[in-house]
Amino acid sequence: MLNLAVILRESATARPGAPAILSDQGVITYGELDARSTRWPPP
């Protein structure tokens, strides 16, 4: 079953250094997004 969580995890595995989120405040890579999504509680 494909859902957003699966797609993000697969993208993080395949291309951890690729940009996932671009904003005026900076860039978050797929690897960083994956690490942040599995960390609890958030900083």
C-alpha atoms as a PDB file:
ATOM      1  CA  MET A   1       0.000   0.000   0.000  1.00  0.00           C
ATOM      2  CA  LEU A   2       1.451   3.332  -1.012  1.00  0.00           C
ATOM      3  CA  ASN A   3       0.868   6.292   1.230  1.00  0.00           C
ATOM      4  CA  LEU A   4       2.807   9.468   1.972  1.00  0.00           C
ATOM      5  CA  ALA A   5       4.824   7.858   4.768  1.00  0.00           C
ATOM      6  CA  VAL A   6       5.972   5.013   2.509  1.00  0.00           C
ATOM      7  CA  ILE A   7       6.874   7.383  -0.335  1.00  0.00           C
ATOM      8  CA  LEU A   8       8.887   9.632   1.996  1.00  0.00           C
ATOM      9  CA  ARG A   9      10.737   6.679   3.549  1.00  0.00           C
ATOM     10  CA  GLU A  10      11.592   5.234   0.135  1.00  0.00           C
ATOM     11  CA  SER A  11      12.779   8.637  -1.082  1.00  0.00           C
ATOM     12  CA  ALA A  12      14.921   9.072   2.034  1.00  0.00           C
ATOM     13  CA  THR A  13      16.507   5.674   1.456  1.00  0.00           C
ATOM     14  CA  ALA A  14      17.155   6.247  -2.246  1.00  0.00           C
ATOM     15  CA  ARG A  15      18.249   9.913  -2.109  1.00  0.00           C
ATOM     16  CA  PRO A  16      18.851  11.104   1.464  1.00  0.00           C
ATOM     17  CA  GLY A  17      20.624  14.290   0.359  1.00  0.00           C
ATOM     18  CA  ALA A  18      17.967  15.415  -2.106  1.00  0.00           C
ATOM     19  CA  PRO A  19      15.802  18.394  -1.106  1.00  0.00           C
ATOM     20  CA  ALA A  20      12.361  17.430   0.192  1.00  0.00           C
ATOM     21  CA  ILE A  21      11.143  20.815   1.455  1.00  0.00           C
ATOM     22  CA  LEU A  22      12.246  24.184   0.120  1.00  0.00           C
ATOM     23  CA  SER A  23      11.258  27.403   1.866  1.00  0.00           C
ATOM     24  CA  ASP A  24      12.493  30.919   2.539  1.00  0.00           C
ATOM     25  CA  GLN A  25      13.966  29.578   5.786  1.00  0.00           C
ATOM     26  CA  GLY A  26      16.071  26.880   4.122  1.00  0.00           C
ATOM     27  CA  VAL A  27      16.060  23.344   2.815  1.00  0.00           C
ATOM     28  CA  ILE A  28      15.216  20.058   4.522  1.00  0.00           C
ATOM     29  CA  THR A  29      16.525  16.946   2.802  1.00  0.00           C
ATOM     30  CA  TYR A  30      14.687  13.636   2.613  1.00  0.00           C
ATOM     31  CA  GLY A  31      17.198  12.187   5.083  1.00  0.00           C
ATOM     32  CA  GLU A  32      16.609  15.009   7.566  1.00  0.00           C
ATOM     33  CA  LEU A  33      12.843  14.732   7.133  1.00  0.00           C
ATOM     34  CA  ASP A  34      12.993  10.988   7.768  1.00  0.00           C
ATOM     35  CA  ALA A  35      15.111  11.487  10.898  1.00  0.00           C
ATOM     36  CA  ARG A  36      12.782  14.189  12.199  1.00  0.00           C
ATOM     37  CA  SER A  37       9.695  12.087  11.542  1.00  0.00           C
ATOM     38  CA  THR A  38      10.944   9.207  13.694  1.00  0.00           C
ATOM     39  CA  ARG A  39      12.148  11.331  16.622  1.00  0.00           C
ATOM     40  CA  TRP A  40       9.827  11.815  19.597  1.00  0.00           C
ATOM     41  CA  PRO A  41       9.340  14.126  21.330  1.00  0.00           C
ATOM     42  CA  PRO A  42      10.200  16.839  18.815  1.00  0.00           C
ATOM     43  CA  PRO A  43      12.873  19.328  19.873  1.00  0.00           C
END
